[in-house]
């Protein structure tokens, strides 16, 4: 094993491809929902306007969080495999969270 120098790398580079794909899918779904909400809000006389505005705010917060995640850097002093072993439970919980949210958004989209 070679000793890695301390350098900053993107967190996304340390997680598996499936999770990166799920993050991208989640971001696309959130962006699509935001467009739908904006379209509904542009209509006149919406009975659920305050709920839609709150929903829009939550979508925007989620997208901002996604942006922070995709640009998050970590100090790299171990290989990807070492990182995954050391943070296995955290990575698993993160993957589950992303997958759960993709499913929730899919269900919301089905309601529309």
Protein backbone atom coordinates (compact mmCIF):
# COMPACT_ATOMS: atom_id res chain seq x y z
CA UNK A 1 0.00 0.00 0.00
CA UNK A 2 1.29 3.42 -0.88
CA UNK A 3 1.01 6.27 1.55
CA UNK A 4 -1.36 8.88 0.19
CA UNK A 5 -0.62 12.51 0.79
CA UNK A 6 -3.31 14.60 2.43
CA UNK A 7 -5.34 16.04 -0.41
CA UNK A 8 -8.94 17.07 -0.76
CA UNK A 9 -11.19 14.99 -2.98
CA UNK A 10 -14.89 15.04 -3.69
CA UNK A 11 -16.93 12.86 -1.38
CA UNK A 12 -18.81 11.64 -4.46
CA UNK A 13 -15.59 10.08 -5.73
CA UNK A 14 -15.47 7.92 -2.60
CA UNK A 15 -18.95 6.41 -2.94
CA UNK A 16 -20.13 3.77 -5.36
CA UNK A 17 -21.52 4.44 -8.82
CA UNK A 18 -25.03 3.28 -7.90
CA UNK A 19 -25.26 5.89 -5.14
CA UNK A 20 -23.93 8.60 -7.46
CA UNK A 21 -26.55 7.60 -10.03
CA UNK A 22 -29.26 7.66 -7.35
CA UNK A 23 -28.16 11.15 -6.28
CA UNK A 24 -28.35 12.33 -9.86
CA UNK A 25 -31.80 10.76 -10.25
CA UNK A 26 -32.96 12.38 -7.01
CA UNK A 27 -31.69 15.77 -8.15
CA UNK A 28 -33.47 15.43 -11.50
CA UNK A 29 -36.72 14.42 -9.81
CA UNK A 30 -36.50 17.38 -7.42
CA UNK A 31 -35.85 19.76 -10.31
CA UNK A 32 -38.86 18.31 -12.15
CA UNK A 33 -41.07 18.72 -9.09
CA UNK A 34 -39.91 22.31 -8.71
CA UNK A 35 -40.92 23.03 -12.30
CA UNK A 36 -44.35 21.46 -11.71
CA UNK A 37 -44.89 23.47 -8.54
CA UNK A 38 -43.82 26.67 -10.29
CA UNK A 39 -46.25 25.92 -13.12
CA UNK A 40 -49.11 25.41 -10.65
CA UNK A 41 -48.21 28.57 -8.77
CA UNK A 42 -48.29 30.57 -12.00
CA UNK A 43 -51.98 29.79 -12.37
CA UNK A 44 -54.43 32.28 -10.95
CA UNK A 45 -56.61 31.56 -7.94
CA UNK A 46 -54.92 28.50 -6.48
CA UNK A 47 -56.73 27.21 -3.37
CA UNK A 48 -53.60 25.49 -2.01
CA UNK A 49 -51.14 28.29 -2.71
CA UNK A 50 -49.60 28.41 0.78
CA UNK A 51 -49.08 24.62 0.80
CA UNK A 52 -47.47 24.80 -2.63
CA UNK A 53 -45.22 27.65 -1.52
CA UNK A 54 -44.12 25.61 1.51
CA UNK A 55 -43.56 22.58 -0.71
CA UNK A 56 -41.51 24.72 -3.12
CA UNK A 57 -39.41 25.96 -0.21
CA UNK A 58 -38.72 22.37 0.90
CA UNK A 59 -37.74 21.34 -2.64
CA UNK A 60 -35.37 24.29 -2.89
CA UNK A 61 -33.80 23.39 0.47
CA UNK A 62 -33.33 19.81 -0.73
CA UNK A 63 -31.73 21.00 -3.97
CA UNK A 64 -29.38 23.29 -2.03
CA UNK A 65 -28.43 20.35 0.17
CA UNK A 66 -27.81 18.24 -2.93
CA UNK A 67 -25.56 20.97 -4.30
CA UNK A 68 -23.54 20.99 -1.08
CA UNK A 69 -23.23 17.19 -1.16
CA UNK A 70 -22.04 17.13 -4.76
CA UNK A 71 -19.32 19.68 -4.03
CA UNK A 72 -18.34 18.40 -0.58
CA UNK A 73 -14.64 17.65 -0.28
CA UNK A 74 -12.88 15.55 2.29
CA UNK A 75 -9.26 15.21 3.21
CA UNK A 76 -8.04 12.06 1.58
CA UNK A 77 -5.55 10.04 3.56
CA UNK A 78 -6.79 6.55 2.67
CA UNK A 79 -7.82 4.59 -0.39
CA UNK A 80 -11.41 4.37 -1.55
CA UNK A 81 -11.68 0.80 -0.22
CA UNK A 82 -10.31 1.84 3.16
CA UNK A 83 -12.71 4.76 3.25
CA UNK A 84 -15.66 2.49 2.42
CA UNK A 85 -14.68 -0.02 5.11
CA UNK A 86 -14.15 2.67 7.72
CA UNK A 87 -17.44 4.44 6.93
CA UNK A 88 -19.47 1.42 5.82
CA UNK A 89 -22.46 2.04 8.10
CA UNK A 90 -22.55 5.78 7.29
CA UNK A 91 -22.37 5.11 3.56
CA UNK A 92 -25.08 2.45 3.84
CA UNK A 93 -27.39 4.85 5.74
CA UNK A 94 -26.71 7.58 3.18
CA UNK A 95 -27.46 5.23 0.28
CA UNK A 96 -30.70 4.14 1.95
CA UNK A 97 -31.71 7.77 2.54
CA UNK A 98 -31.13 8.65 -1.12
CA UNK A 99 -33.01 5.58 -2.38
CA UNK A 100 -35.93 6.21 0.01
CA UNK A 101 -36.22 9.80 -1.19
CA UNK A 102 -36.15 8.76 -4.85
CA UNK A 103 -39.04 6.37 -4.10
CA UNK A 104 -40.99 9.06 -2.20
CA UNK A 105 -40.65 11.52 -5.05
CA UNK A 106 -41.72 8.86 -7.54
CA UNK A 107 -44.88 8.32 -5.50
CA UNK A 108 -45.53 12.08 -5.38
CA UNK A 109 -45.12 12.25 -9.16
CA UNK A 110 -47.63 9.41 -9.57
CA UNK A 111 -50.21 11.44 -7.65
CA UNK A 112 -50.00 14.28 -10.16
